[in-house]
Amino acid sequence: IRAAQTRGYPVLAFGSHMDLEAREKALA
């Protein structure tokens, strides 16, 4: 995600609705 964001690509992430930590990490 960081590599894509650094290069200017928009990122759509998906994962378990139960894994709120992964959601926060993806946004960060």
PDB file of all heavy atoms in Angstrom:
ATOM      1  N   ILE A   1       0.842  -1.201   0.000  1.00  0.00           N
ATOM      2  CA  ILE A   1       0.000   0.000   0.000  1.00  0.00           C
ATOM      3  C   ILE A   1       0.875   1.248   0.000  1.00  0.00           C
ATOM      4  O   ILE A   1       0.635   2.187  -0.767  1.00  0.00           O
ATOM      5  CB  ILE A   1      -0.977   0.003   1.199  1.00  0.00           C
ATOM      6  CG1 ILE A   1      -2.013  -1.128   1.042  1.00  0.00           C
ATOM      7  CG2 ILE A   1      -1.663   1.360   1.339  1.00  0.00           C
ATOM      8  CD1 ILE A   1      -2.902  -1.330   2.250  1.00  0.00           C
ATOM      9  N   ARG A   2       1.905   1.264   0.852  1.00  0.00           N
ATOM     10  CA  ARG A   2       2.805   2.426   0.894  1.00  0.00           C
ATOM     11  C   ARG A   2       3.491   2.630  -0.454  1.00  0.00           C
ATOM     12  O   ARG A   2       3.629   3.767  -0.927  1.00  0.00           O
ATOM     13  CB  ARG A   2       3.844   2.258   2.003  1.00  0.00           C
ATOM     14  CG  ARG A   2       3.299   2.503   3.399  1.00  0.00           C
ATOM     15  CD  ARG A   2       4.399   2.586   4.449  1.00  0.00           C
ATOM     16  NE  ARG A   2       5.189   1.359   4.538  1.00  0.00           N
ATOM     17  CZ  ARG A   2       4.875   0.321   5.303  1.00  0.00           C
ATOM     18  NH1 ARG A   2       3.808   0.353   6.052  1.00  0.00           N
ATOM     19  NH2 ARG A   2       5.658  -0.749   5.325  1.00  0.00           N
ATOM     20  N   ALA A   3       3.935   1.542  -1.089  1.00  0.00           N
ATOM     21  CA  ALA A   3       4.617   1.642  -2.387  1.00  0.00           C
ATOM     22  C   ALA A   3       3.690   2.236  -3.440  1.00  0.00           C
ATOM     23  O   ALA A   3       4.093   3.099  -4.231  1.00  0.00           O
ATOM     24  CB  ALA A   3       5.118   0.266  -2.832  1.00  0.00           C
ATOM     25  N   ALA A   4       2.458   1.785  -3.454  1.00  0.00           N
ATOM     26  CA  ALA A   4       1.496   2.300  -4.444  1.00  0.00           C
ATOM     27  C   ALA A   4       1.163   3.764  -4.152  1.00  0.00           C
ATOM     28  O   ALA A   4       1.155   4.602  -5.058  1.00  0.00           O
ATOM     29  CB  ALA A   4       0.227   1.455  -4.422  1.00  0.00           C
ATOM     30  N   GLN A   5       0.920   4.055  -2.890  1.00  0.00           N
ATOM     31  CA  GLN A   5       0.550   5.423  -2.504  1.00  0.00           C
ATOM     32  C   GLN A   5       1.691   6.391  -2.788  1.00  0.00           C
ATOM     33  O   GLN A   5       1.477   7.483  -3.307  1.00  0.00           O
ATOM     34  CB  GLN A   5       0.155   5.435  -1.016  1.00  0.00           C
ATOM     35  CG  GLN A   5      -0.594   6.648  -0.569  1.00  0.00           C
ATOM     36  CD  GLN A   5       0.323   7.780  -0.152  1.00  0.00           C
ATOM     37  OE1 GLN A   5       1.468   7.583   0.245  1.00  0.00           O
ATOM     38  NE2 GLN A   5      -0.171   8.988  -0.255  1.00  0.00           N
ATOM     39  N   THR A   6       2.920   5.999  -2.506  1.00  0.00           N
ATOM     40  CA  THR A   6       4.091   6.832  -2.759  1.00  0.00           C
ATOM     41  C   THR A   6       4.239   7.156  -4.240  1.00  0.00           C
ATOM     42  O   THR A   6       4.668   8.249  -4.602  1.00  0.00           O
ATOM     43  CB  THR A   6       5.375   6.122  -2.262  1.00  0.00           C
ATOM     44  OG1 THR A   6       5.250   5.912  -0.865  1.00  0.00           O
ATOM     45  CG2 THR A   6       6.610   6.929  -2.540  1.00  0.00           C
ATOM     46  N   ARG A   7       3.854   6.199  -5.087  1.00  0.00           N
ATOM     47  CA  ARG A   7       3.948   6.396  -6.541  1.00  0.00           C
ATOM     48  C   ARG A   7       2.717   7.094  -7.113  1.00  0.00           C
ATOM     49  O   ARG A   7       2.599   7.270  -8.318  1.00  0.00           O
ATOM     50  CB  ARG A   7       4.155   5.047  -7.230  1.00  0.00           C
ATOM     51  CG  ARG A   7       5.529   4.438  -6.947  1.00  0.00           C
ATOM     52  CD  ARG A   7       5.533   2.972  -7.352  1.00  0.00           C
ATOM     53  NE  ARG A   7       6.837   2.329  -7.266  1.00  0.00           N
ATOM     54  CZ  ARG A   7       7.335   1.781  -6.166  1.00  0.00           C
ATOM     55  NH1 ARG A   7       6.667   1.824  -5.022  1.00  0.00           N
ATOM     56  NH2 ARG A   7       8.516   1.190  -6.194  1.00  0.00           N
ATOM     57  N   GLY A   8       1.780   7.469  -6.251  1.00  0.00           N
ATOM     58  CA  GLY A   8       0.615   8.227  -6.696  1.00  0.00           C
ATOM     59  C   GLY A   8      -0.570   7.407  -7.150  1.00  0.00           C
ATOM     60  O   GLY A   8      -1.494   7.941  -7.762  1.00  0.00           O
ATOM     61  N   TYR A   9      -0.589   6.112  -6.838  1.00  0.00           N
ATOM     62  CA  TYR A   9      -1.713   5.270  -7.230  1.00  0.00           C
ATOM     63  C   TYR A   9      -2.766   5.237  -6.126  1.00  0.00           C
ATOM     64  O   TYR A   9      -2.421   5.055  -4.956  1.00  0.00           O
ATOM     65  CB  TYR A   9      -1.260   3.832  -7.496  1.00  0.00           C
ATOM     66  CG  TYR A   9      -0.367   3.688  -8.692  1.00  0.00           C
ATOM     67  CD1 TYR A   9       0.996   3.486  -8.535  1.00  0.00           C
ATOM     68  CD2 TYR A   9      -0.891   3.751  -9.975  1.00  0.00           C
ATOM     69  CE1 TYR A   9       1.824   3.349  -9.634  1.00  0.00           C
ATOM     70  CE2 TYR A   9      -0.068   3.619 -11.081  1.00  0.00           C
ATOM     71  CZ  TYR A   9       1.287   3.413 -10.904  1.00  0.00           C
ATOM     72  OH  TYR A   9       2.107   3.285 -11.989  1.00  0.00           O
ATOM     73  N   PRO A  10      -4.040   5.378  -6.469  1.00  0.00           N
ATOM     74  CA  PRO A  10      -5.085   5.209  -5.456  1.00  0.00           C
ATOM     75  C   PRO A  10      -5.184   3.737  -5.075  1.00  0.00           C
ATOM     76  O   PRO A  10      -5.025   2.858  -5.922  1.00  0.00           O
ATOM     77  CB  PRO A  10      -6.357   5.689  -6.169  1.00  0.00           C
ATOM     78  CG  PRO A  10      -6.072   5.483  -7.623  1.00  0.00           C
ATOM     79  CD  PRO A  10      -4.586   5.682  -7.791  1.00  0.00           C
ATOM     80  N   VAL A  11      -5.431   3.474  -3.793  1.00  0.00           N
ATOM     81  CA  VAL A  11      -5.458   2.098  -3.296  1.00  0.00           C
ATOM     82  C   VAL A  11      -6.819   1.780  -2.686  1.00  0.00           C
ATOM     83  O   VAL A  11      -7.298   2.495  -1.803  1.00  0.00           O
ATOM     84  CB  VAL A  11      -4.360   1.864  -2.234  1.00  0.00           C
ATOM     85  CG1 VAL A  11      -4.424   0.437  -1.696  1.00  0.00           C
ATOM     86  CG2 VAL A  11      -2.978   2.175  -2.796  1.00  0.00           C
ATOM     87  N   LEU A  12      -7.405   0.693  -3.158  1.00  0.00           N
ATOM     88  CA  LEU A  12      -8.604   0.107  -2.583  1.00  0.00           C
ATOM     89  C   LEU A  12      -8.162  -1.158  -1.859  1.00  0.00           C
ATOM     90  O   LEU A  12      -7.614  -2.069  -2.483  1.00  0.00           O
ATOM     91  CB  LEU A  12      -9.618  -0.236  -3.678  1.00  0.00           C
ATOM     92  CG  LEU A  12     -10.817  -1.101  -3.266  1.00  0.00           C
ATOM     93  CD1 LEU A  12     -11.650  -0.405  -2.184  1.00  0.00           C
ATOM     94  CD2 LEU A  12     -11.670  -1.424  -4.483  1.00  0.00           C
ATOM     95  N   ALA A  13      -8.347  -1.193  -0.541  1.00  0.00           N
ATOM     96  CA  ALA A  13      -7.969  -2.371   0.244  1.00  0.00           C
ATOM     97  C   ALA A  13      -9.236  -3.073   0.717  1.00  0.00           C
ATOM     98  O   ALA A  13     -10.276  -2.431   0.913  1.00  0.00           O
ATOM     99  CB  ALA A  13      -7.111  -1.957   1.434  1.00  0.00           C
ATOM    100  N   PHE A  14      -9.138  -4.374   0.886  1.00  0.00           N
ATOM    101  CA  PHE A  14     -10.274  -5.133   1.406  1.00  0.00           C
ATOM    102  C   PHE A  14      -9.759  -6.221   2.329  1.00  0.00           C
ATOM    103  O   PHE A  14      -8.609  -6.661   2.220  1.00  0.00           O
ATOM    104  CB  PHE A  14     -11.123  -5.722   0.275  1.00  0.00           C
ATOM    105  CG  PHE A  14     -10.447  -6.815  -0.505  1.00  0.00           C
ATOM    106  CD1 PHE A  14     -10.668  -8.143  -0.190  1.00  0.00           C
ATOM    107  CD2 PHE A  14      -9.585  -6.512  -1.544  1.00  0.00           C
ATOM    108  CE1 PHE A  14     -10.039  -9.159  -0.907  1.00  0.00           C
ATOM    109  CE2 PHE A  14      -8.958  -7.519  -2.267  1.00  0.00           C
ATOM    110  CZ  PHE A  14      -9.181  -8.849  -1.947  1.00  0.00           C
ATOM    111  N   GLY A  15     -10.605  -6.616   3.262  1.00  0.00           N
ATOM    112  CA  GLY A  15     -10.232  -7.655   4.215  1.00  0.00           C
ATOM    113  C   GLY A  15     -11.390  -7.978   5.130  1.00  0.00           C
ATOM    114  O   GLY A  15     -12.514  -7.523   4.921  1.00  0.00           O
ATOM    115  N   SER A  16     -11.098  -8.727   6.165  1.00  0.00           N
ATOM    116  CA  SER A  16     -12.122  -9.163   7.102  1.00  0.00           C
ATOM    117  C   SER A  16     -12.753  -7.975   7.827  1.00  0.00           C
ATOM    118  O   SER A  16     -12.040  -7.080   8.304  1.00  0.00           O
ATOM    119  CB  SER A  16     -11.513 -10.105   8.140  1.00  0.00           C
ATOM    120  OG  SER A  16     -12.438 -10.356   9.178  1.00  0.00           O
ATOM    121  N   HIS A  17     -14.082  -7.969   7.922  1.00  0.00           N
ATOM    122  CA  HIS A  17     -14.765  -6.900   8.651  1.00  0.00           C
ATOM    123  C   HIS A  17     -14.478  -6.973  10.147  1.00  0.00           C
ATOM    124  O   HIS A  17     -14.661  -5.991  10.862  1.00  0.00           O
ATOM    125  CB  HIS A  17     -16.282  -6.947   8.390  1.00  0.00           C
ATOM    126  CG  HIS A  17     -16.961  -8.099   9.062  1.00  0.00           C
ATOM    127  ND1 HIS A  17     -16.895  -9.382   8.565  1.00  0.00           N
ATOM    128  CD2 HIS A  17     -17.701  -8.157  10.194  1.00  0.00           C
ATOM    129  CE1 HIS A  17     -17.575 -10.189   9.365  1.00  0.00           C
ATOM    130  NE2 HIS A  17     -18.068  -9.474  10.359  1.00  0.00           N
ATOM    131  N   MET A  18     -13.984  -8.116  10.602  1.00  0.00           N
ATOM    132  CA  MET A  18     -13.658  -8.286  12.018  1.00  0.00           C
ATOM    133  C   MET A  18     -12.268  -7.748  12.363  1.00  0.00           C
ATOM    134  O   MET A  18     -11.989  -7.488  13.526  1.00  0.00           O
ATOM    135  CB  MET A  18     -13.708  -9.785  12.377  1.00  0.00           C
ATOM    136  CG  MET A  18     -15.049 -10.441  12.142  1.00  0.00           C
ATOM    137  SD  MET A  18     -16.298  -9.891  13.290  1.00  0.00           S
ATOM    138  CE  MET A  18     -15.712 -10.658  14.772  1.00  0.00           C
ATOM    139  N   ASP A  19     -11.416  -7.584  11.376  1.00  0.00           N
ATOM    140  CA  ASP A  19     -10.031  -7.182  11.627  1.00  0.00           C
ATOM    141  C   ASP A  19      -9.888  -5.663  11.540  1.00  0.00           C
ATOM    142  O   ASP A  19      -9.404  -5.108  10.552  1.00  0.00           O
ATOM    143  CB  ASP A  19      -9.099  -7.879  10.625  1.00  0.00           C
ATOM    144  CG  ASP A  19      -7.639  -7.775  11.041  1.00  0.00           C
ATOM    145  OD1 ASP A  19      -7.315  -6.962  11.936  1.00  0.00           O
ATOM    146  OD2 ASP A  19      -6.821  -8.509  10.453  1.00  0.00           O
ATOM    147  N   LEU A  20     -10.301  -5.009  12.612  1.00  0.00           N
ATOM    148  CA  LEU A  20     -10.260  -3.548  12.645  1.00  0.00           C
ATOM    149  C   LEU A  20      -8.824  -3.024  12.667  1.00  0.00           C
ATOM    150  O   LEU A  20      -8.546  -1.938  12.154  1.00  0.00           O
ATOM    151  CB  LEU A  20     -11.041  -3.021  13.845  1.00  0.00           C
ATOM    152  CG  LEU A  20     -12.535  -3.375  13.850  1.00  0.00           C
ATOM    153  CD1 LEU A  20     -13.203  -2.840  15.111  1.00  0.00           C
ATOM    154  CD2 LEU A  20     -13.222  -2.889  12.606  1.00  0.00           C
ATOM    155  N   GLU A  21      -7.910  -3.811  13.229  1.00  0.00           N
ATOM    156  CA  GLU A  21      -6.507  -3.406  13.251  1.00  0.00           C
ATOM    157  C   GLU A  21      -5.940  -3.333  11.822  1.00  0.00           C
ATOM    158  O   GLU A  21      -5.248  -2.379  11.468  1.00  0.00           O
ATOM    159  CB  GLU A  21      -5.688  -4.385  14.092  1.00  0.00           C
ATOM    160  CG  GLU A  21      -4.228  -3.992  14.190  1.00  0.00           C
ATOM    161  CD  GLU A  21      -3.414  -4.984  15.013  1.00  0.00           C
ATOM    162  OE1 GLU A  21      -3.984  -5.874  15.669  1.00  0.00           O
ATOM    163  OE2 GLU A  21      -2.178  -4.854  14.973  1.00  0.00           O
ATOM    164  N   ALA A  22      -6.257  -4.327  11.007  1.00  0.00           N
ATOM    165  CA  ALA A  22      -5.791  -4.315   9.613  1.00  0.00           C
ATOM    166  C   ALA A  22      -6.396  -3.133   8.866  1.00  0.00           C
ATOM    167  O   ALA A  22      -5.721  -2.489   8.063  1.00  0.00           O
ATOM    168  CB  ALA A  22      -6.149  -5.625   8.909  1.00  0.00           C
ATOM    169  N   ARG A  23      -7.661  -2.826   9.134  1.00  0.00           N
ATOM    170  CA  ARG A  23      -8.310  -1.673   8.496  1.00  0.00           C
ATOM    171  C   ARG A  23      -7.553  -0.389   8.830  1.00  0.00           C
ATOM    172  O   ARG A  23      -7.254   0.414   7.952  1.00  0.00           O
ATOM    173  CB  ARG A  23      -9.771  -1.582   8.953  1.00  0.00           C
ATOM    174  CG  ARG A  23     -10.493  -0.355   8.453  1.00  0.00           C
ATOM    175  CD  ARG A  23     -11.935  -0.313   8.954  1.00  0.00           C
ATOM    176  NE  ARG A  23     -12.577   0.951   8.794  1.00  0.00           N
ATOM    177  CZ  ARG A  23     -12.793   1.598   7.680  1.00  0.00           C
ATOM    178  NH1 ARG A  23     -12.372   1.104   6.547  1.00  0.00           N
ATOM    179  NH2 ARG A  23     -13.404   2.758   7.657  1.00  0.00           N
ATOM    180  N   GLU A  24      -7.249  -0.200  10.102  1.00  0.00           N
ATOM    181  CA  GLU A  24      -6.521   0.997  10.535  1.00  0.00           C
ATOM    182  C   GLU A  24      -5.117   1.053   9.928  1.00  0.00           C
ATOM    183  O   GLU A  24      -4.649   2.106   9.506  1.00  0.00           O
ATOM    184  CB  GLU A  24      -6.459   1.068  12.063  1.00  0.00           C
ATOM    185  CG  GLU A  24      -7.802   1.325  12.717  1.00  0.00           C
ATOM    186  CD  GLU A  24      -8.499   2.567  12.181  1.00  0.00           C
ATOM    187  OE1 GLU A  24      -7.849   3.632  12.037  1.00  0.00           O
ATOM    188  OE2 GLU A  24      -9.711   2.480  11.884  1.00  0.00           O
ATOM    189  N   LYS A  25      -4.446  -0.094   9.889  1.00  0.00           N
ATOM    190  CA  LYS A  25      -3.107  -0.147   9.292  1.00  0.00           C
ATOM    191  C   LYS A  25      -3.152   0.187   7.803  1.00  0.00           C
ATOM    192  O   LYS A  25      -2.267   0.870   7.286  1.00  0.00           O
ATOM    193  CB  LYS A  25      -2.474  -1.524   9.497  1.00  0.00           C
ATOM    194  CG  LYS A  25      -2.011  -1.785  10.908  1.00  0.00           C
ATOM    195  CD  LYS A  25      -1.399  -3.167  11.028  1.00  0.00           C
ATOM    196  CE  LYS A  25      -0.858  -3.416  12.419  1.00  0.00           C
ATOM    197  NZ  LYS A  25      -0.238  -4.753  12.515  1.00  0.00           N
ATOM    198  N   ALA A  26      -4.170  -0.304   7.116  1.00  0.00           N
ATOM    199  CA  ALA A  26      -4.304  -0.021   5.683  1.00  0.00           C
ATOM    200  C   ALA A  26      -4.521   1.474   5.439  1.00  0.00           C
ATOM    201  O   ALA A  26      -3.902   2.060   4.551  1.00  0.00           O
ATOM    202  CB  ALA A  26      -5.452  -0.832   5.086  1.00  0.00           C
ATOM    203  N   LEU A  27      -5.368   2.079   6.238  1.00  0.00           N
ATOM    204  CA  LEU A  27      -5.606   3.521   6.099  1.00  0.00           C
ATOM    205  C   LEU A  27      -4.343   4.307   6.434  1.00  0.00           C
ATOM    206  O   LEU A  27      -3.990   5.256   5.729  1.00  0.00           O
ATOM    207  CB  LEU A  27      -6.777   3.954   6.989  1.00  0.00           C
ATOM    208  CG  LEU A  27      -8.151   3.454   6.544  1.00  0.00           C
ATOM    209  CD1 LEU A  27      -9.196   3.720   7.633  1.00  0.00           C
ATOM    210  CD2 LEU A  27      -8.562   4.092   5.226  1.00  0.00           C
ATOM    211  N   ALA A  28      -3.643   3.893   7.486  1.00  0.00           N
ATOM    212  CA  ALA A  28      -2.407   4.571   7.872  1.00  0.00           C
ATOM    213  C   ALA A  28      -1.326   4.436   6.801  1.00  0.00           C
ATOM    214  O   ALA A  28      -0.519   5.349   6.605  1.00  0.00           O
ATOM    215  CB  ALA A  28      -1.898   4.025   9.206  1.00  0.00           C
TER     216      ALA A  28
END
